[in-house]
Amino acid sequence: MKGLPEGFRFHDLRHYFASLLIAAGLDVKIVRTRLRHASAVTTLNTYGHMFPDKDESARAAVAAALAARTDSADSVRTQGVVTAP
């Protein structure tokens, strides 16, 4: 292709487009739609390695949810409790 590096293929633009969408934080369903894949499985099989690892943020979300439940339960248990002088 004129103006592009030697050996550059039109299909390379598709991969570049996919990498831009993923780097922008779009989820697999949006990337699948934009690439016109029939299934998200195709998208994940091809580009799954490009999606950021969400393990740490998933752990943090669960920890925050559990902490909020614990804090909420503690405040319910202590409300209305009268302590002896």
Protein backbone atom coordinates (compact mmCIF):
# COMPACT_ATOMS: atom_id res chain seq x y z
CA MET A 1 0.00 0.00 0.00
CA LYS A 2 1.30 3.40 -0.97
CA GLY A 3 2.55 5.48 1.95
CA LEU A 4 2.72 2.55 4.37
CA PRO A 5 5.70 0.48 5.47
CA GLU A 6 6.91 -2.34 3.21
CA GLY A 7 4.94 -5.53 3.82
CA PHE A 8 2.05 -3.70 5.46
CA ARG A 9 -1.27 -5.36 4.68
CA PHE A 10 -4.77 -3.95 4.69
CA HIS A 11 -5.65 -6.50 7.38
CA ASP A 12 -3.01 -4.91 9.63
CA LEU A 13 -5.28 -1.85 9.82
CA ARG A 14 -8.00 -4.07 11.28
CA HIS A 15 -5.66 -5.29 14.01
CA TYR A 16 -4.55 -1.73 14.69
CA PHE A 17 -8.19 -0.61 14.93
CA ALA A 18 -8.92 -3.44 17.39
CA SER A 19 -5.92 -2.50 19.52
CA LEU A 20 -7.09 1.14 19.67
CA LEU A 21 -10.55 0.09 20.85
CA ILE A 22 -9.13 -2.22 23.51
CA ALA A 23 -6.58 0.36 24.70
CA ALA A 24 -9.44 2.85 25.05
CA GLY A 25 -11.05 0.48 27.57
CA LEU A 26 -13.97 -0.71 25.47
CA ASP A 27 -15.40 -4.07 26.45
CA VAL A 28 -15.31 -7.18 24.29
CA LYS A 29 -18.93 -6.80 23.15
CA ILE A 30 -18.24 -3.39 21.63
CA VAL A 31 -14.99 -4.55 20.01
CA ARG A 32 -16.81 -7.60 18.61
CA THR A 33 -19.50 -5.38 17.13
CA ARG A 34 -17.04 -2.93 15.57
CA LEU A 35 -14.99 -5.75 14.03
CA ARG A 36 -18.21 -7.46 12.89
CA HIS A 37 -17.23 -10.78 14.44
CA ALA A 38 -20.10 -13.26 14.63
CA SER A 39 -19.19 -14.11 18.21
CA ALA A 40 -17.26 -12.59 21.11
CA VAL A 41 -15.38 -15.90 21.23
CA THR A 42 -13.73 -15.00 17.92
CA THR A 43 -12.75 -11.60 19.29
CA LEU A 44 -11.36 -13.09 22.51
CA ASN A 45 -9.49 -15.84 20.69
CA THR A 46 -7.81 -13.26 18.46
CA TYR A 47 -7.38 -10.27 20.78
CA GLY A 48 -7.82 -11.68 24.29
CA HIS A 49 -4.17 -11.11 25.14
CA MET A 50 -4.64 -7.37 24.55
CA PHE A 51 -7.36 -6.87 27.15
CA PRO A 52 -5.96 -5.66 30.48
CA ASP A 53 -5.84 -8.07 33.39
CA LYS A 54 -8.74 -7.23 35.69
CA ASP A 55 -7.89 -9.70 38.47
CA GLU A 56 -6.61 -7.06 40.88
CA SER A 57 -9.56 -4.71 40.33
CA ALA A 58 -11.96 -7.66 40.76
CA ARG A 59 -10.32 -8.56 44.08
CA ALA A 60 -10.51 -4.93 45.22
CA ALA A 61 -14.20 -4.70 44.27
CA VAL A 62 -15.07 -7.84 46.26
CA ALA A 63 -13.03 -6.65 49.23
CA ALA A 64 -14.80 -3.26 49.17
CA ALA A 65 -18.24 -4.88 48.93
CA LEU A 66 -17.49 -7.22 51.82
CA ALA A 67 -16.07 -4.38 53.91
CA ALA A 68 -19.19 -2.29 53.26
CA ARG A 69 -21.43 -5.17 54.35
CA THR A 70 -19.38 -5.70 57.50
CA ASP A 71 -19.45 -1.97 58.35
CA SER A 72 -23.20 -1.85 57.70
CA ALA A 73 -23.86 -4.93 59.83
CA ASP A 74 -21.71 -3.54 62.67
CA SER A 75 -23.64 -0.25 62.72
CA VAL A 76 -27.00 -2.07 62.78
CA ARG A 77 -25.88 -4.25 65.70
CA THR A 78 -24.67 -1.27 67.73
CA GLN A 79 -27.62 1.07 67.14
CA GLY A 80 -29.96 1.31 70.09
CA VAL A 81 -27.69 -0.63 72.38
CA VAL A 82 -27.65 0.90 75.83
CA THR A 83 -24.56 0.29 77.84
CA ALA A 84 -24.59 0.23 81.62
CA PRO A 85 -22.99 3.25 83.32
